[in-house]
N, C-alpha and C. Protein backbone atom coordinates (compact mmCIF):
# COMPACT_ATOMS: atom_id res chain seq x y z
N UNK A 1 -6.36 -3.32 -1.49
CA UNK A 1 -6.53 -4.26 -0.41
C UNK A 1 -7.86 -4.98 -0.60
N UNK A 2 -7.84 -6.26 -0.38
CA UNK A 2 -9.06 -7.05 -0.51
C UNK A 2 -9.89 -6.95 0.77
N UNK A 3 -11.17 -6.80 0.59
CA UNK A 3 -12.08 -6.83 1.73
C UNK A 3 -12.91 -8.10 1.59
N UNK A 4 -12.77 -8.99 2.54
CA UNK A 4 -13.46 -10.27 2.49
C UNK A 4 -14.56 -10.31 3.55
N UNK A 5 -15.61 -11.00 3.22
CA UNK A 5 -16.71 -11.24 4.15
C UNK A 5 -16.99 -12.74 4.16
N UNK A 6 -16.07 -13.52 4.71
CA UNK A 6 -16.24 -14.97 4.66
C UNK A 6 -17.32 -15.47 5.61
N UNK A 7 -17.91 -16.57 5.21
CA UNK A 7 -18.82 -17.30 6.08
C UNK A 7 -18.20 -18.67 6.27
N UNK A 8 -18.36 -19.23 7.45
CA UNK A 8 -17.71 -20.49 7.77
C UNK A 8 -18.72 -21.62 7.88
N UNK A 9 -18.31 -22.77 7.40
CA UNK A 9 -19.07 -24.00 7.59
C UNK A 9 -18.39 -24.71 8.76
N UNK A 10 -19.17 -25.07 9.74
CA UNK A 10 -18.60 -25.71 10.93
C UNK A 10 -19.21 -27.10 11.13
N UNK A 11 -18.46 -27.93 11.85
CA UNK A 11 -18.98 -29.26 12.15
C UNK A 11 -19.80 -29.22 13.44
N UNK A 12 -20.18 -30.38 13.92
CA UNK A 12 -21.03 -30.44 15.11
C UNK A 12 -20.35 -29.93 16.37
N UNK A 13 -19.01 -29.84 16.35
CA UNK A 13 -18.28 -29.30 17.50
C UNK A 13 -17.85 -27.84 17.27
N UNK A 14 -18.45 -27.21 16.28
CA UNK A 14 -18.20 -25.81 15.93
C UNK A 14 -16.78 -25.57 15.43
N UNK A 15 -16.14 -26.61 14.89
CA UNK A 15 -14.81 -26.45 14.29
C UNK A 15 -14.99 -26.04 12.83
N UNK A 16 -14.25 -25.04 12.42
CA UNK A 16 -14.36 -24.56 11.04
C UNK A 16 -13.88 -25.64 10.08
N UNK A 17 -14.69 -25.92 9.07
CA UNK A 17 -14.38 -26.95 8.08
C UNK A 17 -14.25 -26.40 6.67
N UNK A 18 -14.89 -25.27 6.38
CA UNK A 18 -14.87 -24.70 5.04
C UNK A 18 -15.19 -23.21 5.14
N UNK A 19 -14.89 -22.52 4.05
CA UNK A 19 -15.15 -21.09 3.99
C UNK A 19 -15.97 -20.80 2.74
N UNK A 20 -16.94 -19.95 2.89
CA UNK A 20 -17.74 -19.49 1.76
C UNK A 20 -17.46 -18.01 1.55
N UNK A 21 -17.20 -17.64 0.29
CA UNK A 21 -17.05 -16.23 -0.06
C UNK A 21 -17.93 -15.98 -1.27
N UNK A 22 -18.28 -14.74 -1.47
CA UNK A 22 -19.10 -14.40 -2.64
C UNK A 22 -18.29 -14.64 -3.91
N UNK A 23 -18.97 -14.76 -5.02
CA UNK A 23 -18.28 -14.97 -6.29
C UNK A 23 -17.36 -13.79 -6.61
N UNK A 24 -17.81 -12.59 -6.33
CA UNK A 24 -17.00 -11.39 -6.58
C UNK A 24 -15.73 -11.42 -5.74
N UNK A 25 -15.84 -11.84 -4.48
CA UNK A 25 -14.66 -11.93 -3.63
C UNK A 25 -13.72 -13.03 -4.12
N UNK A 26 -14.30 -14.14 -4.58
CA UNK A 26 -13.49 -15.23 -5.12
C UNK A 26 -12.72 -14.74 -6.34
N UNK A 27 -13.36 -13.98 -7.21
CA UNK A 27 -12.68 -13.43 -8.38
C UNK A 27 -11.53 -12.52 -7.96
N UNK A 28 -11.74 -11.70 -6.96
CA UNK A 28 -10.68 -10.82 -6.46
C UNK A 28 -9.51 -11.65 -5.93
N UNK A 29 -9.82 -12.72 -5.21
CA UNK A 29 -8.76 -13.59 -4.69
C UNK A 29 -7.96 -14.22 -5.83
N UNK A 30 -8.65 -14.67 -6.86
CA UNK A 30 -7.97 -15.31 -7.99
C UNK A 30 -7.08 -14.30 -8.73
N UNK A 31 -7.56 -13.08 -8.90
CA UNK A 31 -6.76 -12.04 -9.54
C UNK A 31 -5.53 -11.70 -8.71
N UNK A 32 -5.70 -11.61 -7.40
CA UNK A 32 -4.57 -11.32 -6.52
C UNK A 32 -3.56 -12.46 -6.55
N UNK A 33 -4.04 -13.70 -6.58
CA UNK A 33 -3.15 -14.85 -6.65
C UNK A 33 -2.39 -14.86 -7.97
N UNK A 34 -3.05 -14.54 -9.05
CA UNK A 34 -2.39 -14.48 -10.36
C UNK A 34 -1.30 -13.40 -10.36
N UNK A 35 -1.61 -12.26 -9.77
CA UNK A 35 -0.63 -11.18 -9.69
C UNK A 35 0.57 -11.60 -8.84
N UNK A 36 0.29 -12.27 -7.73
CA UNK A 36 1.37 -12.75 -6.87
C UNK A 36 2.26 -13.75 -7.61
N UNK A 37 1.65 -14.64 -8.38
CA UNK A 37 2.43 -15.60 -9.17
C UNK A 37 3.30 -14.88 -10.19
N UNK A 38 2.77 -13.83 -10.81
CA UNK A 38 3.56 -13.05 -11.76
C UNK A 38 4.75 -12.39 -11.07
N UNK A 39 4.52 -11.84 -9.89
CA UNK A 39 5.60 -11.20 -9.14
C UNK A 39 6.67 -12.21 -8.76
N UNK A 40 6.25 -13.39 -8.32
CA UNK A 40 7.22 -14.43 -7.96
C UNK A 40 8.02 -14.88 -9.18
N UNK A 41 7.36 -15.02 -10.33
CA UNK A 41 8.07 -15.41 -11.55
C UNK A 41 9.08 -14.34 -11.94
N UNK A 42 8.70 -13.08 -11.81
CA UNK A 42 9.61 -11.98 -12.12
C UNK A 42 10.81 -12.01 -11.18
N UNK A 43 10.55 -12.17 -9.88
CA UNK A 43 11.64 -12.22 -8.90
C UNK A 43 12.58 -13.38 -9.19
N UNK A 44 12.05 -14.53 -9.56
CA UNK A 44 12.87 -15.69 -9.89
C UNK A 44 13.72 -15.41 -11.12
N UNK A 45 13.12 -14.80 -12.13
CA UNK A 45 13.85 -14.49 -13.36
C UNK A 45 14.97 -13.49 -13.09
N UNK A 46 14.73 -12.54 -12.21
CA UNK A 46 15.76 -11.54 -11.91
C UNK A 46 16.94 -12.14 -11.14
N UNK A 47 16.72 -13.24 -10.44
CA UNK A 47 17.79 -13.88 -9.67
C UNK A 47 18.74 -14.67 -10.57
N UNK A 48 18.25 -15.08 -11.75
CA UNK A 48 19.07 -15.87 -12.66
C UNK A 48 20.13 -14.98 -13.29
N UNK A 49 21.30 -15.57 -13.60
CA UNK A 49 22.36 -14.76 -14.20
C UNK A 49 21.91 -14.16 -15.53
N UNK A 50 22.32 -12.95 -15.76
CA UNK A 50 21.96 -12.24 -16.98
C UNK A 50 23.07 -12.43 -18.00
N UNK A 51 22.92 -13.42 -18.87
CA UNK A 51 23.96 -13.70 -19.86
C UNK A 51 23.56 -13.21 -21.25
N UNK A 52 22.68 -12.23 -21.31
CA UNK A 52 22.26 -11.67 -22.58
C UNK A 52 23.29 -10.65 -23.05
N UNK A 53 23.47 -10.62 -24.35
CA UNK A 53 24.40 -9.66 -24.95
C UNK A 53 23.59 -8.70 -25.83
N UNK A 54 24.08 -7.49 -25.99
CA UNK A 54 23.42 -6.57 -26.92
C UNK A 54 23.41 -7.18 -28.33
N UNK A 55 22.43 -6.81 -29.12
CA UNK A 55 22.25 -7.39 -30.45
C UNK A 55 23.53 -7.30 -31.28
N UNK A 56 24.14 -6.14 -31.30
CA UNK A 56 25.34 -5.95 -32.12
C UNK A 56 26.47 -6.89 -31.69
N UNK A 57 26.63 -7.07 -30.39
CA UNK A 57 27.65 -7.98 -29.87
C UNK A 57 27.34 -9.42 -30.26
N UNK A 58 26.07 -9.79 -30.19
CA UNK A 58 25.68 -11.14 -30.57
C UNK A 58 25.99 -11.39 -32.04
N UNK A 59 25.71 -10.42 -32.90
CA UNK A 59 26.00 -10.56 -34.33
C UNK A 59 27.51 -10.72 -34.54
N UNK A 60 28.31 -9.93 -33.86
CA UNK A 60 29.77 -10.04 -33.97
C UNK A 60 30.25 -11.44 -33.55
N UNK A 61 29.68 -11.95 -32.46
CA UNK A 61 30.08 -13.27 -31.98
C UNK A 61 29.70 -14.36 -32.99
N UNK A 62 28.53 -14.23 -33.58
CA UNK A 62 28.10 -15.24 -34.57
C UNK A 62 29.01 -15.17 -35.80
N UNK A 63 29.31 -13.97 -36.28
CA UNK A 63 30.18 -13.82 -37.45
C UNK A 63 31.57 -14.34 -37.15
N UNK A 64 32.07 -14.14 -35.95
CA UNK A 64 33.40 -14.60 -35.58
C UNK A 64 33.49 -16.12 -35.57
N UNK A 65 32.40 -16.80 -35.32
CA UNK A 65 32.39 -18.26 -35.27
C UNK A 65 32.28 -18.90 -36.64
N UNK A 66 32.01 -18.11 -37.68
CA UNK A 66 31.85 -18.66 -39.05
C UNK A 66 33.17 -18.97 -39.67
């Protein structure tokens, strides 16, 4: 779990406009985002139809087409 200690930049009406985090926290966020992207890519790949054949079957199919 990430532990963040953000600091906020506010405007003259005290509305939050930006967030400051330490470089170490930023690195943790980037690593977590990269991991999340990997998980999403994996989930997307698993949803696609699996039309792969075992090697031996693929060789038989190629030889049959010759």
